[in-house]
Amino acid sequence: MQKFMLFIVAAAILSCSQENDENQNPEILGSESVSNHQDLEEKKLAIVANEEEMSVANSLDFRHNDGSFEQVFAFLDAQGEIVKIEEKFANGKTGNTGVRYFYLENGKKFISHERFGDNENGKGSYRERISYYDKNGKVLSTKERLAPFEEDLEKEAYKNTNNYDCSMLRAEQVLNNEGVFATTFQGFLDNGNLTYLLVGGPGESGFASAVAVQYADKTIQTLKQNEKSFINQPLSINFEKMIDEKNLEFQVLISVKLL
């Protein structure tokens, strides 16, 4: 059974690479037949077969006022190395929403697998795209399929397309609490009987996350007494995911520290 870790992956585990952003054009390098990557597919299948025995580090779920969403899971093998990253996302500007999977070896992706509603370039269709990479992270080839409905993707055959470098940068930033996904103090929100600690990146571009406070420890009391003066103060958050009686998932604070 998967063991869920209640803290964010340390920044040292993943270093942000210089990759294409989601909205940039795909890199056109020529196309190699996708049938030549059975070795990479076998590496991927070996990871998938052992997922249930792996530890999983999950990020906070981050939301933006424009409707964007990010949540990331990192799967760690017995040696503590990240071998798979799962990124759930929604882009409020393009309307694209779905999931990206990255399969890693020695910190480098060798397969990226995207499955998402493509409202930007696919006119509302669903796109599934798989890219293969060499040991240095350079794209070898890309294949994709498109269907009007997600359930119809399995009926479509993959076709070779221009090489596409699917960026891990955003997922790394979420896991490492960097940039717009930093866990800085953004205040409190009272909702019924619950108080939520709000954290996120500073400024209008920052994403935010709400964590339910069950016990007002000394740090929470300090933040409440000096709320305005602590805005944008970096925090270390320890949390867990819980399901309520309506089967809705929410985040519960375990501990918080001022940094």
C-alpha atoms as a PDB file:
ATOM      1  CA  MET A   1       0.000   0.000   0.000  1.00  0.00           C
ATOM      2  CA  GLN A   2       1.258   3.482  -0.763  1.00  0.00           C
ATOM      3  CA  LYS A   3       2.574   5.459   2.194  1.00  0.00           C
ATOM      4  CA  PHE A   4       1.626   9.125   1.953  1.00  0.00           C
ATOM      5  CA  MET A   5       4.170  11.561   3.289  1.00  0.00           C
ATOM      6  CA  LEU A   6       2.696  14.661   4.907  1.00  0.00           C
ATOM      7  CA  PHE A   7       5.371  17.133   3.968  1.00  0.00           C
ATOM      8  CA  ILE A   8       6.680  18.785   0.827  1.00  0.00           C
ATOM      9  CA  VAL A   9       9.664  17.258  -0.952  1.00  0.00           C
ATOM     10  CA  ALA A  10      12.888  19.028  -0.056  1.00  0.00           C
ATOM     11  CA  ALA A  11      14.222  21.362  -2.719  1.00  0.00           C
ATOM     12  CA  ALA A  12      17.444  19.376  -2.970  1.00  0.00           C
ATOM     13  CA  ILE A  13      15.616  16.393  -4.465  1.00  0.00           C
ATOM     14  CA  LEU A  14      14.553  18.231  -7.603  1.00  0.00           C
ATOM     15  CA  SER A  15      16.432  21.003  -9.333  1.00  0.00           C
ATOM     16  CA  CYS A  16      14.509  23.148 -11.810  1.00  0.00           C
ATOM     17  CA  SER A  17      15.687  22.533 -15.349  1.00  0.00           C
ATOM     18  CA  GLN A  18      15.518  24.949 -18.253  1.00  0.00           C
ATOM     19  CA  GLU A  19      12.607  23.457 -20.160  1.00  0.00           C
ATOM     20  CA  ASN A  20       9.820  24.744 -22.371  1.00  0.00           C
ATOM     21  CA  ASP A  21       6.862  26.293 -20.591  1.00  0.00           C
ATOM     22  CA  GLU A  22       3.408  24.809 -21.199  1.00  0.00           C
ATOM     23  CA  ASN A  23       2.412  27.637 -23.519  1.00  0.00           C
ATOM     24  CA  GLN A  24       5.545  27.644 -25.653  1.00  0.00           C
ATOM     25  CA  ASN A  25       5.615  26.006 -29.066  1.00  0.00           C
ATOM     26  CA  PRO A  26       6.903  22.405 -29.250  1.00  0.00           C
ATOM     27  CA  GLU A  27      10.528  21.950 -30.155  1.00  0.00           C
ATOM     28  CA  ILE A  28      10.815  20.663 -33.722  1.00  0.00           C
ATOM     29  CA  LEU A  29      13.838  18.409 -34.011  1.00  0.00           C
ATOM     30  CA  GLY A  30      12.724  15.933 -36.616  1.00  0.00           C
ATOM     31  CA  SER A  31      10.785  12.806 -35.814  1.00  0.00           C
ATOM     32  CA  GLU A  32      12.115   9.374 -34.903  1.00  0.00           C
ATOM     33  CA  SER A  33       9.776   6.380 -35.109  1.00  0.00           C
ATOM     34  CA  VAL A  34       8.029   5.904 -31.760  1.00  0.00           C
ATOM     35  CA  SER A  35       8.295   2.143 -32.159  1.00  0.00           C
ATOM     36  CA  ASN A  36      12.017   2.347 -31.272  1.00  0.00           C
ATOM     37  CA  HIS A  37      11.509   3.019 -27.562  1.00  0.00           C
ATOM     38  CA  GLN A  38      10.512  -0.345 -26.127  1.00  0.00           C
ATOM     39  CA  ASP A  39      13.366  -0.089 -23.621  1.00  0.00           C
ATOM     40  CA  LEU A  40      11.910   3.134 -22.215  1.00  0.00           C
ATOM     41  CA  GLU A  41       8.420   1.648 -22.064  1.00  0.00           C
ATOM     42  CA  GLU A  42       9.787  -1.312 -20.096  1.00  0.00           C
ATOM     43  CA  LYS A  43      11.414   1.062 -17.581  1.00  0.00           C
ATOM     44  CA  LYS A  44       8.086   2.830 -17.199  1.00  0.00           C
ATOM     45  CA  LEU A  45       6.185  -0.425 -16.672  1.00  0.00           C
ATOM     46  CA  ALA A  46       8.667  -1.481 -13.979  1.00  0.00           C
ATOM     47  CA  ILE A  47       7.923   1.752 -12.086  1.00  0.00           C
ATOM     48  CA  VAL A  48       4.153   1.339 -12.455  1.00  0.00           C
ATOM     49  CA  ALA A  49       4.335  -2.269 -11.241  1.00  0.00           C
ATOM     50  CA  ASN A  50       5.964  -1.143  -7.967  1.00  0.00           C
ATOM     51  CA  GLU A  51       3.887   1.978  -7.277  1.00  0.00           C
ATOM     52  CA  GLU A  52       1.860   0.374  -4.479  1.00  0.00           C
ATOM     53  CA  GLU A  53       5.050  -0.226  -2.486  1.00  0.00           C
ATOM     54  CA  MET A  54       6.385   3.306  -2.916  1.00  0.00           C
ATOM     55  CA  SER A  55       6.250   6.283  -0.603  1.00  0.00           C
ATOM     56  CA  VAL A  56       4.353   9.234  -2.050  1.00  0.00           C
ATOM     57  CA  ALA A  57       5.027  12.877  -1.227  1.00  0.00           C
ATOM     58  CA  ASN A  58       2.033  15.079  -2.034  1.00  0.00           C
ATOM     59  CA  SER A  59       1.990  18.837  -2.363  1.00  0.00           C
ATOM     60  CA  LEU A  60      -0.678  21.185  -1.135  1.00  0.00           C
ATOM     61  CA  ASP A  61      -3.355  21.869  -3.717  1.00  0.00           C
ATOM     62  CA  PHE A  62      -2.827  25.363  -5.098  1.00  0.00           C
ATOM     63  CA  ARG A  63      -5.478  27.539  -6.718  1.00  0.00           C
ATOM     64  CA  HIS A  64      -5.472  30.901  -8.458  1.00  0.00           C
ATOM     65  CA  ASN A  65      -8.187  33.498  -8.871  1.00  0.00           C
ATOM     66  CA  ASP A  66      -8.184  32.940 -12.648  1.00  0.00           C
ATOM     67  CA  GLY A  67      -9.325  29.320 -12.137  1.00  0.00           C
ATOM     68  CA  SER A  68      -5.909  27.675 -12.423  1.00  0.00           C
ATOM     69  CA  PHE A  69      -5.102  24.658 -10.214  1.00  0.00           C
ATOM     70  CA  GLU A  70      -1.973  22.655  -9.415  1.00  0.00           C
ATOM     71  CA  GLN A  71      -1.345  19.583  -7.275  1.00  0.00           C
ATOM     72  CA  VAL A  72       1.673  17.301  -7.546  1.00  0.00           C
ATOM     73  CA  PHE A  73       2.564  13.817  -6.274  1.00  0.00           C
ATOM     74  CA  ALA A  74       6.118  12.455  -6.215  1.00  0.00           C
ATOM     75  CA  PHE A  75       6.669   8.676  -6.085  1.00  0.00           C
ATOM     76  CA  LEU A  76       9.869   7.583  -4.328  1.00  0.00           C
ATOM     77  CA  ASP A  77      11.595   4.220  -4.707  1.00  0.00           C
ATOM     78  CA  ALA A  78      13.255   2.246  -1.898  1.00  0.00           C
ATOM     79  CA  GLN A  79      16.389   4.404  -2.184  1.00  0.00           C
ATOM     80  CA  GLY A  80      14.379   7.610  -1.777  1.00  0.00           C
ATOM     81  CA  GLU A  81      14.806   8.650  -5.404  1.00  0.00           C
ATOM     82  CA  ILE A  82      11.881  10.218  -7.254  1.00  0.00           C
ATOM     83  CA  VAL A  83      10.972   7.914 -10.139  1.00  0.00           C
ATOM     84  CA  LYS A  84       7.554   9.305 -11.068  1.00  0.00           C
ATOM     85  CA  ILE A  85       5.812  12.668 -10.833  1.00  0.00           C
ATOM     86  CA  GLU A  86       2.064  13.133 -11.283  1.00  0.00           C
ATOM     87  CA  GLU A  87       0.868  16.689 -11.933  1.00  0.00           C
ATOM     88  CA  LYS A  88      -2.831  17.507 -11.862  1.00  0.00           C
ATOM     89  CA  PHE A  89      -3.486  20.878 -13.438  1.00  0.00           C
ATOM     90  CA  ALA A  90      -5.995  23.360 -14.790  1.00  0.00           C
ATOM     91  CA  ASN A  91      -4.986  26.456 -16.727  1.00  0.00           C
ATOM     92  CA  GLY A  92      -7.453  29.277 -16.148  1.00  0.00           C
ATOM     93  CA  LYS A  93      -6.198  31.230 -19.167  1.00  0.00           C
ATOM     94  CA  THR A  94      -6.255  28.489 -21.807  1.00  0.00           C
ATOM     95  CA  GLY A  95      -8.983  26.314 -20.292  1.00  0.00           C
ATOM     96  CA  ASN A  96      -6.752  23.249 -20.572  1.00  0.00           C
ATOM     97  CA  THR A  97      -7.174  20.754 -17.730  1.00  0.00           C
ATOM     98  CA  GLY A  98      -5.873  17.264 -17.082  1.00  0.00           C
ATOM     99  CA  VAL A  99      -2.852  15.352 -15.808  1.00  0.00           C
ATOM    100  CA  ARG A 100       0.826  14.938 -16.690  1.00  0.00           C
ATOM    101  CA  TYR A 101       3.013  11.984 -15.717  1.00  0.00           C
ATOM    102  CA  PHE A 102       6.808  12.118 -15.755  1.00  0.00           C
ATOM    103  CA  TYR A 103       8.927   8.959 -15.419  1.00  0.00           C
ATOM    104  CA  LEU A 104      12.463   9.586 -14.180  1.00  0.00           C
ATOM    105  CA  GLU A 105      15.830   7.898 -13.960  1.00  0.00           C
ATOM    106  CA  ASN A 106      18.742   9.574 -12.168  1.00  0.00           C
ATOM    107  CA  GLY A 107      16.679  12.748 -11.885  1.00  0.00           C
ATOM    108  CA  LYS A 108      16.048  12.986 -15.650  1.00  0.00           C
ATOM    109  CA  LYS A 109      12.718  12.301 -17.334  1.00  0.00           C
ATOM    110  CA  PHE A 110      12.729   9.532 -19.922  1.00  0.00           C
ATOM    111  CA  ILE A 111       8.982   9.552 -20.662  1.00  0.00           C
ATOM    112  CA  SER A 112       6.339  12.251 -20.296  1.00  0.00           C
ATOM    113  CA  HIS A 113       2.675  11.292 -20.669  1.00  0.00           C
ATOM    114  CA  GLU A 114      -0.030  13.972 -20.891  1.00  0.00           C
ATOM    115  CA  ARG A 115      -3.794  13.463 -20.965  1.00  0.00           C
ATOM    116  CA  PHE A 116      -5.846  16.656 -20.983  1.00  0.00           C
ATOM    117  CA  GLY A 117      -8.769  18.585 -22.355  1.00  0.00           C
ATOM    118  CA  ASP A 118      -7.174  20.823 -24.979  1.00  0.00           C
ATOM    119  CA  ASN A 119      -9.315  23.931 -25.233  1.00  0.00           C
ATOM    120  CA  GLU A 120      -6.416  26.035 -26.493  1.00  0.00           C
ATOM    121  CA  ASN A 121      -5.298  24.126 -29.595  1.00  0.00           C
ATOM    122  CA  GLY A 122      -7.708  21.193 -29.773  1.00  0.00           C
ATOM    123  CA  LYS A 123     -10.986  23.149 -29.856  1.00  0.00           C
ATOM    124  CA  GLY A 124     -12.306  21.353 -26.790  1.00  0.00           C
ATOM    125  CA  SER A 125     -11.042  17.905 -27.774  1.00  0.00           C
ATOM    126  CA  TYR A 126      -9.058  15.576 -25.534  1.00  0.00           C
ATOM    127  CA  ARG A 127      -5.396  15.063 -26.294  1.00  0.00           C
ATOM    128  CA  GLU A 128      -3.051  12.306 -25.153  1.00  0.00           C
ATOM    129  CA  ARG A 129       0.620  12.946 -25.870  1.00  0.00           C
ATOM    130  CA  ILE A 130       3.687  10.872 -25.046  1.00  0.00           C
ATOM    131  CA  SER A 131       7.286  12.004 -25.484  1.00  0.00           C
ATOM    132  CA  TYR A 132      10.467   9.936 -25.151  1.00  0.00           C
ATOM    133  CA  TYR A 133      13.816  11.356 -23.994  1.00  0.00           C
ATOM    134  CA  ASP A 134      17.464  10.305 -24.037  1.00  0.00           C
ATOM    135  CA  LYS A 135      19.621  10.105 -20.894  1.00  0.00           C
ATOM    136  CA  ASN A 136      20.295  13.847 -21.081  1.00  0.00           C
ATOM    137  CA  GLY A 137      16.614  14.765 -21.265  1.00  0.00           C
ATOM    138  CA  LYS A 138      16.608  15.551 -25.005  1.00  0.00           C
ATOM    139  CA  VAL A 139      13.437  14.646 -26.899  1.00  0.00           C
ATOM    140  CA  LEU A 140      13.769  11.580 -29.118  1.00  0.00           C
ATOM    141  CA  SER A 141      10.213  11.457 -30.486  1.00  0.00           C
ATOM    142  CA  THR A 142       6.602  12.310 -29.680  1.00  0.00           C
ATOM    143  CA  LYS A 143       3.322  10.596 -30.477  1.00  0.00           C
ATOM    144  CA  GLU A 144      -0.241  11.737 -29.773  1.00  0.00           C
ATOM    145  CA  ARG A 145      -3.903  11.029 -30.336  1.00  0.00           C
ATOM    146  CA  LEU A 146      -6.958  13.283 -30.277  1.00  0.00           C
ATOM    147  CA  ALA A 147     -10.646  12.560 -29.651  1.00  0.00           C
ATOM    148  CA  PRO A 148     -13.790  14.657 -29.084  1.00  0.00           C
ATOM    149  CA  PHE A 149     -14.426  12.949 -25.720  1.00  0.00           C
ATOM    150  CA  GLU A 150     -11.957  11.564 -23.184  1.00  0.00           C
ATOM    151  CA  GLU A 151     -13.548   8.110 -23.207  1.00  0.00           C
ATOM    152  CA  ASP A 152     -12.939   7.914 -26.956  1.00  0.00           C
ATOM    153  CA  LEU A 153      -9.162   8.366 -26.714  1.00  0.00           C
ATOM    154  CA  GLU A 154      -8.594   4.625 -26.328  1.00  0.00           C
ATOM    155  CA  LYS A 155     -10.292   4.048 -29.691  1.00  0.00           C
ATOM    156  CA  GLU A 156      -7.801   6.278 -31.511  1.00  0.00           C
ATOM    157  CA  ALA A 157      -4.382   5.236 -32.787  1.00  0.00           C
ATOM    158  CA  TYR A 158      -1.280   7.229 -31.896  1.00  0.00           C
ATOM    159  CA  LYS A 159       0.336   9.265 -34.658  1.00  0.00           C
ATOM    160  CA  ASN A 160       3.855  10.654 -34.850  1.00  0.00           C
ATOM    161  CA  THR A 161       4.013  14.412 -34.352  1.00  0.00           C
ATOM    162  CA  ASN A 162       6.638  17.126 -33.913  1.00  0.00           C
ATOM    163  CA  ASN A 163       8.971  16.490 -31.010  1.00  0.00           C
ATOM    164  CA  TYR A 164       7.536  18.068 -27.861  1.00  0.00           C
ATOM    165  CA  ASP A 165       9.501  18.707 -24.668  1.00  0.00           C
ATOM    166  CA  CYS A 166       6.887  18.535 -21.887  1.00  0.00           C
ATOM    167  CA  SER A 167       8.140  20.776 -19.096  1.00  0.00           C
ATOM    168  CA  MET A 168       8.511  19.557 -15.492  1.00  0.00           C
ATOM    169  CA  LEU A 169       9.323  23.075 -14.324  1.00  0.00           C
ATOM    170  CA  ARG A 170       5.891  23.874 -12.893  1.00  0.00           C
ATOM    171  CA  ALA A 171       5.657  20.532 -11.091  1.00  0.00           C
ATOM    172  CA  GLU A 172       9.110  21.107  -9.590  1.00  0.00           C
ATOM    173  CA  GLN A 173       8.111  24.565  -8.402  1.00  0.00           C
ATOM    174  CA  VAL A 174       5.009  23.141  -6.699  1.00  0.00           C
ATOM    175  CA  LEU A 175       7.000  20.404  -4.942  1.00  0.00           C
ATOM    176  CA  ASN A 176       9.724  22.816  -3.897  1.00  0.00           C
ATOM    177  CA  ASN A 177       7.364  25.659  -2.834  1.00  0.00           C
ATOM    178  CA  GLU A 178       9.044  28.080  -5.212  1.00  0.00           C
ATOM    179  CA  GLY A 179       7.893  31.261  -6.912  1.00  0.00           C
ATOM    180  CA  VAL A 180       4.106  31.599  -7.169  1.00  0.00           C
ATOM    181  CA  PHE A 181       3.777  28.366  -5.134  1.00  0.00           C
ATOM    182  CA  ALA A 182       5.781  29.550  -2.123  1.00  0.00           C
ATOM    183  CA  THR A 183       4.172  28.823   1.265  1.00  0.00           C
ATOM    184  CA  THR A 184       4.102  32.335   2.659  1.00  0.00           C
ATOM    185  CA  PHE A 185       1.490  33.480   5.168  1.00  0.00           C
ATOM    186  CA  GLN A 186      -1.539  35.087   3.494  1.00  0.00           C
ATOM    187  CA  GLY A 187      -3.957  35.321   6.432  1.00  0.00           C
ATOM    188  CA  PHE A 188      -6.886  33.349   7.839  1.00  0.00           C
ATOM    189  CA  LEU A 189     -10.350  32.512   6.549  1.00  0.00           C
ATOM    190  CA  ASP A 190     -13.288  31.616   8.801  1.00  0.00           C
ATOM    191  CA  ASN A 191     -15.886  29.310   7.263  1.00  0.00           C
ATOM    192  CA  GLY A 192     -18.563  28.070   9.627  1.00  0.00           C
ATOM    193  CA  ASN A 193     -16.932  26.213  12.497  1.00  0.00           C
ATOM    194  CA  LEU A 194     -13.586  25.938  10.756  1.00  0.00           C
ATOM    195  CA  THR A 195     -10.694  28.370  10.454  1.00  0.00           C
ATOM    196  CA  TYR A 196      -8.359  27.995   7.481  1.00  0.00           C
ATOM    197  CA  LEU A 197      -4.745  29.054   7.312  1.00  0.00           C
ATOM    198  CA  LEU A 198      -4.104  30.621   3.894  1.00  0.00           C
ATOM    199  CA  VAL A 199      -0.661  30.179   2.359  1.00  0.00           C
ATOM    200  CA  GLY A 200       0.735  30.835  -1.086  1.00  0.00           C
ATOM    201  CA  GLY A 201       2.976  32.895  -3.287  1.00  0.00           C
ATOM    202  CA  PRO A 202       2.964  36.656  -2.660  1.00  0.00           C
ATOM    203  CA  GLY A 203       1.306  39.129  -5.004  1.00  0.00           C
ATOM    204  CA  GLU A 204      -1.513  38.822  -7.533  1.00  0.00           C
ATOM    205  CA  SER A 205       0.341  36.158  -9.513  1.00  0.00           C
ATOM    206  CA  GLY A 206       0.675  33.886  -6.479  1.00  0.00           C
ATOM    207  CA  PHE A 207      -1.305  30.670  -6.047  1.00  0.00           C
ATOM    208  CA  ALA A 208      -3.002  30.023  -2.698  1.00  0.00           C
ATOM    209  CA  SER A 209      -3.874  27.012  -0.580  1.00  0.00           C
ATOM    210  CA  ALA A 210      -6.231  26.714   2.403  1.00  0.00           C
ATOM    211  CA  VAL A 211      -5.392  24.393   5.311  1.00  0.00           C
ATOM    212  CA  ALA A 212      -7.937  23.698   8.082  1.00  0.00           C
ATOM    213  CA  VAL A 213      -6.708  24.591  11.581  1.00  0.00           C
ATOM    214  CA  GLN A 214      -7.855  22.110  14.221  1.00  0.00           C
ATOM    215  CA  TYR A 215      -5.667  23.340  17.064  1.00  0.00           C
ATOM    216  CA  ALA A 216      -4.425  26.886  17.629  1.00  0.00           C
ATOM    217  CA  ASP A 217      -0.860  26.239  18.802  1.00  0.00           C
ATOM    218  CA  LYS A 218       1.608  28.981  19.745  1.00  0.00           C
ATOM    219  CA  THR A 219       2.545  29.747  16.127  1.00  0.00           C
ATOM    220  CA  ILE A 220      -1.093  30.029  15.042  1.00  0.00           C
ATOM    221  CA  GLN A 221      -1.815  32.314  18.000  1.00  0.00           C
ATOM    222  CA  THR A 222       1.172  34.490  17.090  1.00  0.00           C
ATOM    223  CA  LEU A 223       0.018  34.759  13.471  1.00  0.00           C
ATOM    224  CA  LYS A 224      -3.544  35.639  14.529  1.00  0.00           C
ATOM    225  CA  GLN A 225      -2.390  38.335  16.945  1.00  0.00           C
ATOM    226  CA  ASN A 226      -0.128  39.952  14.343  1.00  0.00           C
ATOM    227  CA  GLU A 227      -1.871  38.969  11.119  1.00  0.00           C
ATOM    228  CA  LYS A 228      -1.028  42.030   8.990  1.00  0.00           C
ATOM    229  CA  SER A 229       2.604  42.206  10.065  1.00  0.00           C
ATOM    230  CA  PHE A 230       3.230  38.545   9.120  1.00  0.00           C
ATOM    231  CA  ILE A 231       1.781  38.721   5.580  1.00  0.00           C
ATOM    232  CA  ASN A 232       4.255  37.137   3.102  1.00  0.00           C
ATOM    233  CA  GLN A 233       6.257  35.577   5.963  1.00  0.00           C
ATOM    234  CA  PRO A 234       7.640  32.176   4.788  1.00  0.00           C
ATOM    235  CA  LEU A 235       6.163  29.169   6.593  1.00  0.00           C
ATOM    236  CA  SER A 236       6.947  25.479   6.857  1.00  0.00           C
ATOM    237  CA  ILE A 237       3.708  23.476   6.633  1.00  0.00           C
ATOM    238  CA  ASN A 238       3.034  19.897   7.730  1.00  0.00           C
ATOM    239  CA  PHE A 239      -0.426  18.657   6.723  1.00  0.00           C
ATOM    240  CA  GLU A 240      -2.557  15.678   5.812  1.00  0.00           C
ATOM    241  CA  LYS A 241      -5.460  15.033   3.444  1.00  0.00           C
ATOM    242  CA  MET A 242      -8.831  14.029   4.903  1.00  0.00           C
ATOM    243  CA  ILE A 243     -12.272  13.121   3.520  1.00  0.00           C
ATOM    244  CA  ASP A 244     -15.391  14.613   5.119  1.00  0.00           C
ATOM    245  CA  GLU A 245     -18.874  13.092   5.458  1.00  0.00           C
ATOM    246  CA  LYS A 246     -19.781  14.420   2.005  1.00  0.00           C
ATOM    247  CA  ASN A 247     -16.772  12.604   0.511  1.00  0.00           C
ATOM    248  CA  LEU A 248     -14.999  15.895  -0.132  1.00  0.00           C
ATOM    249  CA  GLU A 249     -11.235  16.055   0.323  1.00  0.00           C
ATOM    250  CA  PHE A 250      -9.695  18.820   2.416  1.00  0.00           C
ATOM    251  CA  GLN A 251      -6.331  19.658   3.946  1.00  0.00           C
ATOM    252  CA  VAL A 252      -5.772  19.584   7.702  1.00  0.00           C
ATOM    253  CA  LEU A 253      -2.885  21.347   9.422  1.00  0.00           C
ATOM    254  CA  ILE A 254      -0.577  19.153  11.509  1.00  0.00           C
ATOM    255  CA  SER A 255       2.037  21.779  12.335  1.00  0.00           C
ATOM    256  CA  VAL A 256       3.367  25.112  11.116  1.00  0.00           C
ATOM    257  CA  LYS A 257       6.643  26.939  11.720  1.00  0.00           C
ATOM    258  CA  LEU A 258       7.837  30.455  10.966  1.00  0.00           C
ATOM    259  CA  LEU A 259      10.946  30.529   8.791  1.00  0.00           C
END
